[in-house]
């Protein structure tokens, strides 16, 4: 026997090395980067009718923010700035 979904159900997922939150609700589901509110949202009606691909593409291009945060590893040390070479002087015209 199954349990009716009356409210929201949240679960944490790890995809690769990134953590996401999946929220299931009676109207659809949302997949978002953990700690962010906006994400990829798909309605159950769109999924069942076959419009999910179109709805997903449109929604992703407009509002989805599924890109993981940049890692907090320190940046590689920058090399010192290159020394500027003195500008070349224009050659004097040759005398004949």
PDB file of N, CA and C in Angstrom:
ATOM      1  N   UNK A   1       0.846  -1.167   0.000  1.00  0.00           N
ATOM      2  CA  UNK A   1       0.000   0.000   0.000  1.00  0.00           C
ATOM      3  C   UNK A   1       0.899   1.240   0.000  1.00  0.00           C
ATOM      4  N   UNK A   2       0.470   2.290  -0.669  1.00  0.00           N
ATOM      5  CA  UNK A   2       1.238   3.526  -0.755  1.00  0.00           C
ATOM      6  C   UNK A   2       0.638   4.586   0.165  1.00  0.00           C
ATOM      7  N   UNK A   3       1.439   5.579   0.452  1.00  0.00           N
ATOM      8  CA  UNK A   3       1.007   6.688   1.297  1.00  0.00           C
ATOM      9  C   UNK A   3       0.749   7.897   0.423  1.00  0.00           C
ATOM     10  N   UNK A   4      -0.376   8.558   0.647  1.00  0.00           N
ATOM     11  CA  UNK A   4      -0.724   9.742  -0.116  1.00  0.00           C
ATOM     12  C   UNK A   4       0.226  10.885   0.250  1.00  0.00           C
ATOM     13  N   UNK A   5       0.633  11.635  -0.772  1.00  0.00           N
ATOM     14  CA  UNK A   5       1.522  12.780  -0.567  1.00  0.00           C
ATOM     15  C   UNK A   5       0.662  14.015  -0.326  1.00  0.00           C
ATOM     16  N   UNK A   6       0.557  14.413   0.933  1.00  0.00           N
ATOM     17  CA  UNK A   6      -0.276  15.552   1.295  1.00  0.00           C
ATOM     18  C   UNK A   6       0.514  16.846   1.402  1.00  0.00           C
ATOM     19  N   UNK A   7       1.761  16.759   1.795  1.00  0.00           N
ATOM     20  CA  UNK A   7       2.582  17.955   1.983  1.00  0.00           C
ATOM     21  C   UNK A   7       3.892  17.800   1.237  1.00  0.00           C
ATOM     22  N   UNK A   8       4.860  18.606   1.613  1.00  0.00           N
ATOM     23  CA  UNK A   8       6.171  18.537   0.966  1.00  0.00           C
ATOM     24  C   UNK A   8       7.050  17.505   1.647  1.00  0.00           C
ATOM     25  N   UNK A   9       7.870  16.852   0.837  1.00  0.00           N
ATOM     26  CA  UNK A   9       8.827  15.871   1.314  1.00  0.00           C
ATOM     27  C   UNK A   9      10.183  16.264   0.749  1.00  0.00           C
ATOM     28  N   UNK A  10      11.162  16.475   1.618  1.00  0.00           N
ATOM     29  CA  UNK A  10      12.486  16.923   1.167  1.00  0.00           C
ATOM     30  C   UNK A  10      13.512  15.831   1.431  1.00  0.00           C
ATOM     31  N   UNK A  11      14.377  15.655   0.433  1.00  0.00           N
ATOM     32  CA  UNK A  11      15.466  14.697   0.549  1.00  0.00           C
ATOM     33  C   UNK A  11      16.727  15.297  -0.039  1.00  0.00           C
ATOM     34  N   UNK A  12      17.859  14.891   0.514  1.00  0.00           N
ATOM     35  CA  UNK A  12      19.154  15.372   0.041  1.00  0.00           C
ATOM     36  C   UNK A  12      19.748  14.333  -0.902  1.00  0.00           C
ATOM     37  N   UNK A  13      20.293  14.818  -2.025  1.00  0.00           N
ATOM     38  CA  UNK A  13      20.919  13.941  -3.014  1.00  0.00           C
ATOM     39  C   UNK A  13      22.348  14.395  -3.257  1.00  0.00           C
ATOM     40  N   UNK A  14      23.230  13.449  -3.522  1.00  0.00           N
ATOM     41  CA  UNK A  14      24.581  13.785  -3.939  1.00  0.00           C
ATOM     42  C   UNK A  14      24.743  13.280  -5.352  1.00  0.00           C
ATOM     43  N   UNK A  15      25.004  14.182  -6.271  1.00  0.00           N
ATOM     44  CA  UNK A  15      25.214  13.845  -7.676  1.00  0.00           C
ATOM     45  C   UNK A  15      26.639  14.257  -7.998  1.00  0.00           C
ATOM     46  N   UNK A  16      27.483  13.270  -8.266  1.00  0.00           N
ATOM     47  CA  UNK A  16      28.902  13.561  -8.437  1.00  0.00           C
ATOM     48  C   UNK A  16      29.441  14.016  -7.088  1.00  0.00           C
ATOM     49  N   UNK A  17      30.000  15.201  -7.041  1.00  0.00           N
ATOM     50  CA  UNK A  17      30.508  15.730  -5.769  1.00  0.00           C
ATOM     51  C   UNK A  17      29.646  16.886  -5.265  1.00  0.00           C
ATOM     52  N   UNK A  18      28.502  17.116  -5.907  1.00  0.00           N
ATOM     53  CA  UNK A  18      27.625  18.236  -5.544  1.00  0.00           C
ATOM     54  C   UNK A  18      26.397  17.731  -4.805  1.00  0.00           C
ATOM     55  N   UNK A  19      25.923  18.529  -3.851  1.00  0.00           N
ATOM     56  CA  UNK A  19      24.763  18.157  -3.044  1.00  0.00           C
ATOM     57  C   UNK A  19      23.548  18.963  -3.479  1.00  0.00           C
ATOM     58  N   UNK A  20      22.428  18.273  -3.659  1.00  0.00           N
ATOM     59  CA  UNK A  20      21.181  18.888  -4.105  1.00  0.00           C
ATOM     60  C   UNK A  20      20.068  18.551  -3.117  1.00  0.00           C
ATOM     61  N   UNK A  21      18.997  19.346  -3.152  1.00  0.00           N
ATOM     62  CA  UNK A  21      17.800  19.073  -2.369  1.00  0.00           C
ATOM     63  C   UNK A  21      16.656  18.793  -3.337  1.00  0.00           C
ATOM     64  N   UNK A  22      15.999  17.662  -3.134  1.00  0.00           N
ATOM     65  CA  UNK A  22      14.833  17.293  -3.937  1.00  0.00           C
ATOM     66  C   UNK A  22      13.601  17.487  -3.070  1.00  0.00           C
ATOM     67  N   UNK A  23      12.669  18.311  -3.529  1.00  0.00           N
ATOM     68  CA  UNK A  23      11.431  18.568  -2.794  1.00  0.00           C
ATOM     69  C   UNK A  23      10.268  18.021  -3.598  1.00  0.00           C
ATOM     70  N   UNK A  24       9.561  17.053  -3.025  1.00  0.00           N
ATOM     71  CA  UNK A  24       8.376  16.479  -3.660  1.00  0.00           C
ATOM     72  C   UNK A  24       7.143  17.109  -3.039  1.00  0.00           C
ATOM     73  N   UNK A  25       6.177  17.495  -3.865  1.00  0.00           N
ATOM     74  CA  UNK A  25       4.925  18.063  -3.371  1.00  0.00           C
ATOM     75  C   UNK A  25       3.787  17.481  -4.196  1.00  0.00           C
ATOM     76  N   UNK A  26       2.550  17.692  -3.788  1.00  0.00           N
ATOM     77  CA  UNK A  26       1.426  17.174  -4.565  1.00  0.00           C
ATOM     78  C   UNK A  26       1.342  17.748  -5.982  1.00  0.00           C
ATOM     79  N   UNK A  27       1.959  18.897  -6.237  1.00  0.00           N
ATOM     80  CA  UNK A  27       1.874  19.512  -7.566  1.00  0.00           C
ATOM     81  C   UNK A  27       3.056  19.177  -8.467  1.00  0.00           C
ATOM     82  N   UNK A  28       4.196  18.756  -7.902  1.00  0.00           N
ATOM     83  CA  UNK A  28       5.364  18.445  -8.711  1.00  0.00           C
ATOM     84  C   UNK A  28       6.598  18.299  -7.853  1.00  0.00           C
ATOM     85  N   UNK A  29       7.764  18.499  -8.445  1.00  0.00           N
ATOM     86  CA  UNK A  29       8.994  18.413  -7.672  1.00  0.00           C
ATOM     87  C   UNK A  29       9.966  19.513  -8.082  1.00  0.00           C
ATOM     88  N   UNK A  30      10.893  19.812  -7.172  1.00  0.00           N
ATOM     89  CA  UNK A  30      11.916  20.838  -7.383  1.00  0.00           C
ATOM     90  C   UNK A  30      13.266  20.224  -7.026  1.00  0.00           C
ATOM     91  N   UNK A  31      14.233  20.384  -7.919  1.00  0.00           N
ATOM     92  CA  UNK A  31      15.599  19.955  -7.664  1.00  0.00           C
ATOM     93  C   UNK A  31      16.460  21.209  -7.645  1.00  0.00           C
ATOM     94  N   UNK A  32      17.103  21.471  -6.496  1.00  0.00           N
ATOM     95  CA  UNK A  32      17.890  22.696  -6.340  1.00  0.00           C
ATOM     96  C   UNK A  32      19.213  22.379  -5.659  1.00  0.00           C
ATOM     97  N   UNK A  33      20.209  23.196  -5.918  1.00  0.00           N
ATOM     98  CA  UNK A  33      21.476  23.070  -5.213  1.00  0.00           C
ATOM     99  C   UNK A  33      21.201  23.303  -3.737  1.00  0.00           C
ATOM    100  N   UNK A  34      21.793  22.475  -2.889  1.00  0.00           N
ATOM    101  CA  UNK A  34      21.540  22.592  -1.460  1.00  0.00           C
ATOM    102  C   UNK A  34      21.904  23.994  -0.973  1.00  0.00           C
ATOM    103  N   UNK A  35      21.002  24.603  -0.218  1.00  0.00           N
ATOM    104  CA  UNK A  35      21.215  25.938   0.305  1.00  0.00           C
ATOM    105  C   UNK A  35      20.627  27.032  -0.569  1.00  0.00           C
ATOM    106  N   UNK A  36      20.100  26.671  -1.717  1.00  0.00           N
ATOM    107  CA  UNK A  36      19.475  27.663  -2.597  1.00  0.00           C
ATOM    108  C   UNK A  36      17.986  27.362  -2.713  1.00  0.00           C
ATOM    109  N   UNK A  37      17.217  28.379  -3.019  1.00  0.00           N
ATOM    110  CA  UNK A  37      15.769  28.203  -3.101  1.00  0.00           C
ATOM    111  C   UNK A  37      15.306  27.854  -4.510  1.00  0.00           C
ATOM    112  N   UNK A  38      15.894  28.502  -5.490  1.00  0.00           N
ATOM    113  CA  UNK A  38      15.452  28.279  -6.863  1.00  0.00           C
ATOM    114  C   UNK A  38      16.155  27.069  -7.443  1.00  0.00           C
ATOM    115  N   UNK A  39      15.441  26.390  -8.321  1.00  0.00           N
ATOM    116  CA  UNK A  39      16.006  25.218  -8.962  1.00  0.00           C
ATOM    117  C   UNK A  39      15.148  24.803 -10.131  1.00  0.00           C
ATOM    118  N   UNK A  40      15.299  23.577 -10.522  1.00  0.00           N
ATOM    119  CA  UNK A  40      14.548  23.017 -11.634  1.00  0.00           C
ATOM    120  C   UNK A  40      13.215  22.506 -11.103  1.00  0.00           C
ATOM    121  N   UNK A  41      12.107  23.061 -11.608  1.00  0.00           N
ATOM    122  CA  UNK A  41      10.779  22.691 -11.115  1.00  0.00           C
ATOM    123  C   UNK A  41       9.978  22.053 -12.238  1.00  0.00           C
ATOM    124  N   UNK A  42       9.393  20.883 -11.953  1.00  0.00           N
ATOM    125  CA  UNK A  42       8.577  20.185 -12.942  1.00  0.00           C
ATOM    126  C   UNK A  42       7.255  19.781 -12.291  1.00  0.00           C
ATOM    127  N   UNK A  43       6.156  20.126 -12.941  1.00  0.00           N
ATOM    128  CA  UNK A  43       4.828  19.767 -12.449  1.00  0.00           C
ATOM    129  C   UNK A  43       4.517  18.332 -12.861  1.00  0.00           C
ATOM    130  N   UNK A  44       3.805  17.599 -12.004  1.00  0.00           N
ATOM    131  CA  UNK A  44       3.449  16.212 -12.322  1.00  0.00           C
ATOM    132  C   UNK A  44       2.625  16.148 -13.598  1.00  0.00           C
ATOM    133  N   UNK A  45       1.724  17.114 -13.801  1.00  0.00           N
ATOM    134  CA  UNK A  45       0.875  17.116 -14.998  1.00  0.00           C
ATOM    135  C   UNK A  45       1.727  17.215 -16.268  1.00  0.00           C
ATOM    136  N   UNK A  46       2.793  18.037 -16.242  1.00  0.00           N
ATOM    137  CA  UNK A  46       3.684  18.156 -17.396  1.00  0.00           C
ATOM    138  C   UNK A  46       4.446  16.859 -17.637  1.00  0.00           C
ATOM    139  N   UNK A  47       4.847  16.215 -16.568  1.00  0.00           N
ATOM    140  CA  UNK A  47       5.589  14.962 -16.676  1.00  0.00           C
ATOM    141  C   UNK A  47       4.723  13.866 -17.287  1.00  0.00           C
ATOM    142  N   UNK A  48       3.483  13.768 -16.837  1.00  0.00           N
ATOM    143  CA  UNK A  48       2.570  12.731 -17.325  1.00  0.00           C
ATOM    144  C   UNK A  48       2.136  13.001 -18.764  1.00  0.00           C
ATOM    145  N   UNK A  49       1.915  14.264 -19.129  1.00  0.00           N
ATOM    146  CA  UNK A  49       1.414  14.591 -20.463  1.00  0.00           C
ATOM    147  C   UNK A  49       2.513  14.575 -21.522  1.00  0.00           C
ATOM    148  N   UNK A  50       3.755  14.476 -21.103  1.00  0.00           N
ATOM    149  CA  UNK A  50       4.852  14.480 -22.065  1.00  0.00           C
ATOM    150  C   UNK A  50       5.403  15.862 -22.327  1.00  0.00           C
ATOM    151  N   UNK A  51       4.846  16.871 -21.687  1.00  0.00           N
ATOM    152  CA  UNK A  51       5.328  18.240 -21.867  1.00  0.00           C
ATOM    153  C   UNK A  51       6.515  18.553 -20.957  1.00  0.00           C
ATOM    154  N   UNK A  52       6.985  17.559 -20.222  1.00  0.00           N
ATOM    155  CA  UNK A  52       8.056  17.811 -19.257  1.00  0.00           C
ATOM    156  C   UNK A  52       9.330  18.289 -19.934  1.00  0.00           C
ATOM    157  N   UNK A  53       9.656  17.722 -21.084  1.00  0.00           N
ATOM    158  CA  UNK A  53      10.892  18.128 -21.767  1.00  0.00           C
ATOM    159  C   UNK A  53      10.826  19.600 -22.156  1.00  0.00           C
ATOM    160  N   UNK A  54       9.699  20.012 -22.718  1.00  0.00           N
ATOM    161  CA  UNK A  54       9.542  21.414 -23.108  1.00  0.00           C
ATOM    162  C   UNK A  54       9.509  22.320 -21.882  1.00  0.00           C
ATOM    163  N   UNK A  55       8.744  21.918 -20.866  1.00  0.00           N
ATOM    164  CA  UNK A  55       8.648  22.724 -19.648  1.00  0.00           C
ATOM    165  C   UNK A  55       9.999  22.813 -18.954  1.00  0.00           C
ATOM    166  N   UNK A  56      10.728  21.723 -18.947  1.00  0.00           N
ATOM    167  CA  UNK A  56      12.043  21.716 -18.308  1.00  0.00           C
ATOM    168  C   UNK A  56      13.008  22.632 -19.033  1.00  0.00           C
ATOM    169  N   UNK A  57      13.032  22.542 -20.345  1.00  0.00           N
ATOM    170  CA  UNK A  57      13.951  23.379 -21.117  1.00  0.00           C
ATOM    171  C   UNK A  57      13.632  24.859 -20.932  1.00  0.00           C
ATOM    172  N   UNK A  58      12.362  25.201 -20.984  1.00  0.00           N
ATOM    173  CA  UNK A  58      11.962  26.593 -20.813  1.00  0.00           C
ATOM    174  C   UNK A  58      12.272  27.088 -19.405  1.00  0.00           C
ATOM    175  N   UNK A  59      11.876  26.299 -18.422  1.00  0.00           N
ATOM    176  CA  UNK A  59      12.100  26.678 -17.032  1.00  0.00           C
ATOM    177  C   UNK A  59      13.588  26.789 -16.734  1.00  0.00           C
ATOM    178  N   UNK A  60      14.373  25.855 -17.240  1.00  0.00           N
ATOM    179  CA  UNK A  60      15.816  25.877 -16.987  1.00  0.00           C
ATOM    180  C   UNK A  60      16.458  27.101 -17.618  1.00  0.00           C
ATOM    181  N   UNK A  61      16.002  27.458 -18.806  1.00  0.00           N
ATOM    182  CA  UNK A  61      16.615  28.606 -19.469  1.00  0.00           C
ATOM    183  C   UNK A  61      16.209  29.923 -18.827  1.00  0.00           C
ATOM    184  N   UNK A  62      15.082  29.946 -18.151  1.00  0.00           N
ATOM    185  CA  UNK A  62      14.605  31.196 -17.566  1.00  0.00           C
ATOM    186  C   UNK A  62      14.962  31.367 -16.091  1.00  0.00           C
ATOM    187  N   UNK A  63      14.758  30.312 -15.304  1.00  0.00           N
ATOM    188  CA  UNK A  63      14.870  30.511 -13.863  1.00  0.00           C
ATOM    189  C   UNK A  63      15.778  29.545 -13.127  1.00  0.00           C
ATOM    190  N   UNK A  64      16.052  28.409 -13.669  1.00  0.00           N
ATOM    191  CA  UNK A  64      16.779  27.397 -12.906  1.00  0.00           C
ATOM    192  C   UNK A  64      18.180  27.861 -12.575  1.00  0.00           C
ATOM    193  N   UNK A  65      18.592  27.506 -11.395  1.00  0.00           N
ATOM    194  CA  UNK A  65      19.926  27.867 -10.931  1.00  0.00           C
ATOM    195  C   UNK A  65      20.548  26.608 -10.343  1.00  0.00           C
ATOM    196  N   UNK A  66      20.874  25.656 -11.203  1.00  0.00           N
ATOM    197  CA  UNK A  66      21.380  24.382 -10.728  1.00  0.00           C
ATOM    198  C   UNK A  66      22.891  24.287 -10.748  1.00  0.00           C
ATOM    199  N   UNK A  67      23.554  25.319 -11.185  1.00  0.00           N
ATOM    200  CA  UNK A  67      25.011  25.262 -11.209  1.00  0.00           C
ATOM    201  C   UNK A  67      25.525  25.228  -9.778  1.00  0.00           C
ATOM    202  N   UNK A  68      26.370  24.275  -9.461  1.00  0.00           N
ATOM    203  CA  UNK A  68      26.904  24.206  -8.105  1.00  0.00           C
ATOM    204  C   UNK A  68      27.771  25.419  -7.791  1.00  0.00           C
ATOM    205  N   UNK A  69      27.896  25.708  -6.535  1.00  0.00           N
ATOM    206  CA  UNK A  69      28.739  26.814  -6.102  1.00  0.00           C
ATOM    207  C   UNK A  69      30.195  26.499  -6.416  1.00  0.00           C
ATOM    208  N   UNK A  70      30.981  27.512  -6.692  1.00  0.00           N
ATOM    209  CA  UNK A  70      32.407  27.260  -6.882  1.00  0.00           C
ATOM    210  C   UNK A  70      33.002  26.734  -5.590  1.00  0.00           C
ATOM    211  N   UNK A  71      33.978  25.849  -5.708  1.00  0.00           N
ATOM    212  CA  UNK A  71      34.584  25.292  -4.509  1.00  0.00           C
ATOM    213  C   UNK A  71      35.321  26.384  -3.750  1.00  0.00           C
ATOM    214  N   UNK A  72      35.479  26.185  -2.469  1.00  0.00           N
ATOM    215  CA  UNK A  72      36.103  27.192  -1.622  1.00  0.00           C
ATOM    216  C   UNK A  72      37.595  26.919  -1.456  1.00  0.00           C
ATOM    217  N   UNK A  73      38.194  26.242  -2.419  1.00  0.00           N
ATOM    218  CA  UNK A  73      39.625  25.988  -2.335  1.00  0.00           C
ATOM    219  C   UNK A  73      40.364  27.262  -2.685  1.00  0.00           C
ATOM    220  N   UNK A  74      41.494  27.491  -2.050  1.00  0.00           N
ATOM    221  CA  UNK A  74      42.236  28.720  -2.348  1.00  0.00           C
ATOM    222  C   UNK A  74      42.707  28.729  -3.792  1.00  0.00           C
ATOM    223  N   UNK A  75      42.721  29.898  -4.364  1.00  0.00           N
ATOM    224  CA  UNK A  75      43.173  30.040  -5.740  1.00  0.00           C
ATOM    225  C   UNK A  75      44.667  29.799  -5.814  1.00  0.00           C
ATOM    226  N   UNK A  76      45.108  29.321  -6.955  1.00  0.00           N
ATOM    227  CA  UNK A  76      46.540  29.128  -7.139  1.00  0.00           C
ATOM    228  C   UNK A  76      47.223  30.478  -7.021  1.00  0.00           C
ATOM    229  N   UNK A  77      48.412  30.449  -6.466  1.00  0.00           N
ATOM    230  CA  UNK A  77      49.124  31.708  -6.306  1.00  0.00           C
ATOM    231  C   UNK A  77      49.382  32.324  -7.665  1.00  0.00           C
ATOM    232  N   UNK A  78      49.135  33.593  -7.746  1.00  0.00           N
ATOM    233  CA  UNK A  78      49.339  34.284  -9.009  1.00  0.00           C
ATOM    234  C   UNK A  78      50.822  34.544  -9.207  1.00  0.00           C
ATOM    235  N   UNK A  79      51.258  34.434 -10.436  1.00  0.00           N
ATOM    236  CA  UNK A  79      52.651  34.735 -10.729  1.00  0.00           C
ATOM    237  C   UNK A  79      52.821  36.246 -10.697  1.00  0.00           C
ATOM    238  N   UNK A  80      54.027  36.705 -10.369  1.00  0.00           N
ATOM    239  CA  UNK A  80      54.222  38.155 -10.321  1.00  0.00           C
ATOM    240  C   UNK A  80      54.002  38.761 -11.693  1.00  0.00           C
ATOM    241  N   UNK A  81      53.581  40.009 -11.739  1.00  0.00           N
ATOM    242  CA  UNK A  81      53.319  40.627 -13.046  1.00  0.00           C
ATOM    243  C   UNK A  81      54.595  40.669 -13.878  1.00  0.00           C
ATOM    244  N   UNK A  82      54.444  40.506 -15.161  1.00  0.00           N
ATOM    245  CA  UNK A  82      55.592  40.523 -16.070  1.00  0.00           C
ATOM    246  C   UNK A  82      56.217  41.915 -16.076  1.00  0.00           C
ATOM    247  N   UNK A  83      57.536  41.926 -16.184  1.00  0.00           N
ATOM    248  CA  UNK A  83      58.233  43.214 -16.236  1.00  0.00           C
ATOM    249  C   UNK A  83      57.987  43.862 -17.578  1.00  0.00           C
ATOM    250  N   UNK A  84      57.766  45.163 -17.553  1.00  0.00           N
ATOM    251  CA  UNK A  84      57.554  45.893 -18.795  1.00  0.00           C
ATOM    252  C   UNK A  84      58.899  46.201 -19.432  1.00  0.00           C
ATOM    253  N   UNK A  85      58.989  45.918 -20.700  1.00  0.00           N
ATOM    254  CA  UNK A  85      60.203  46.216 -21.441  1.00  0.00           C
ATOM    255  C   UNK A  85      60.176  47.667 -21.883  1.00  0.00           C
ATOM    256  N   UNK A  86      61.344  48.310 -21.920  1.00  0.00           N
ATOM    257  CA  UNK A  86      61.346  49.709 -22.379  1.00  0.00           C
ATOM    258  C   UNK A  86      60.925  49.780 -23.846  1.00  0.00           C
ATOM    259  N   UNK A  87      60.217  50.820 -24.180  1.00  0.00           N
ATOM    260  CA  UNK A  87      59.745  50.988 -25.554  1.00  0.00           C
ATOM    261  C   UNK A  87      60.932  51.219 -26.479  1.00  0.00           C
ATOM    262  N   UNK A  88      60.859  50.656 -27.662  1.00  0.00           N
ATOM    263  CA  UNK A  88      61.934  50.831 -28.646  1.00  0.00           C
ATOM    264  C   UNK A  88      61.843  52.235 -29.224  1.00  0.00           C
ATOM    265  N   UNK A  89      63.024  52.830 -29.420  1.00  0.00           N
ATOM    266  CA  UNK A  89      63.061  54.162 -30.023  1.00  0.00           C
ATOM    267  C   UNK A  89      62.967  54.010 -31.535  1.00  0.00           C
ATOM    268  N   UNK A  90      62.321  54.946 -32.170  1.00  0.00           N
ATOM    269  CA  UNK A  90      62.196  54.911 -33.613  1.00  0.00           C
ATOM    270  C   UNK A  90      63.581  55.119 -34.236  1.00  0.00           C
ATOM    271  N   UNK A  91      63.852  54.325 -35.255  1.00  0.00           N
ATOM    272  CA  UNK A  91      65.164  54.438 -35.923  1.00  0.00           C
ATOM    273  C   UNK A  91      65.259  55.746 -36.676  1.00  0.00           C
ATOM    274  N   UNK A  92      66.401  56.363 -36.584  1.00  0.00           N
ATOM    275  CA  UNK A  92      66.627  57.631 -37.310  1.00  0.00           C
ATOM    276  C   UNK A  92      66.784  57.314 -38.803  1.00  0.00           C
ATOM    277  N   UNK A  93      66.288  58.194 -39.660  1.00  0.00           N
ATOM    278  CA  UNK A  93      66.428  57.921 -41.096  1.00  0.00           C
ATOM    279  C   UNK A  93      67.912  57.911 -41.494  1.00  0.00           C
ATOM    280  N   UNK A  94      68.218  56.990 -42.403  1.00  0.00           N
ATOM    281  CA  UNK A  94      69.622  56.876 -42.859  1.00  0.00           C
ATOM    282  C   UNK A  94      69.974  58.027 -43.766  1.00  0.00           C
ATOM    283  N   UNK A  95      71.221  58.509 -43.612  1.00  0.00           N
ATOM    284  CA  UNK A  95      71.710  59.598 -44.473  1.00  0.00           C
ATOM    285  C   UNK A  95      72.431  58.975 -45.658  1.00  0.00           C
ATOM    286  N   UNK A  96      72.313  59.569 -46.837  1.00  0.00           N
ATOM    287  CA  UNK A  96      72.984  59.064 -48.026  1.00  0.00           C
ATOM    288  C   UNK A  96      74.132  59.913 -48.428  1.00  0.00           C
TER     289      UNK A  96
END
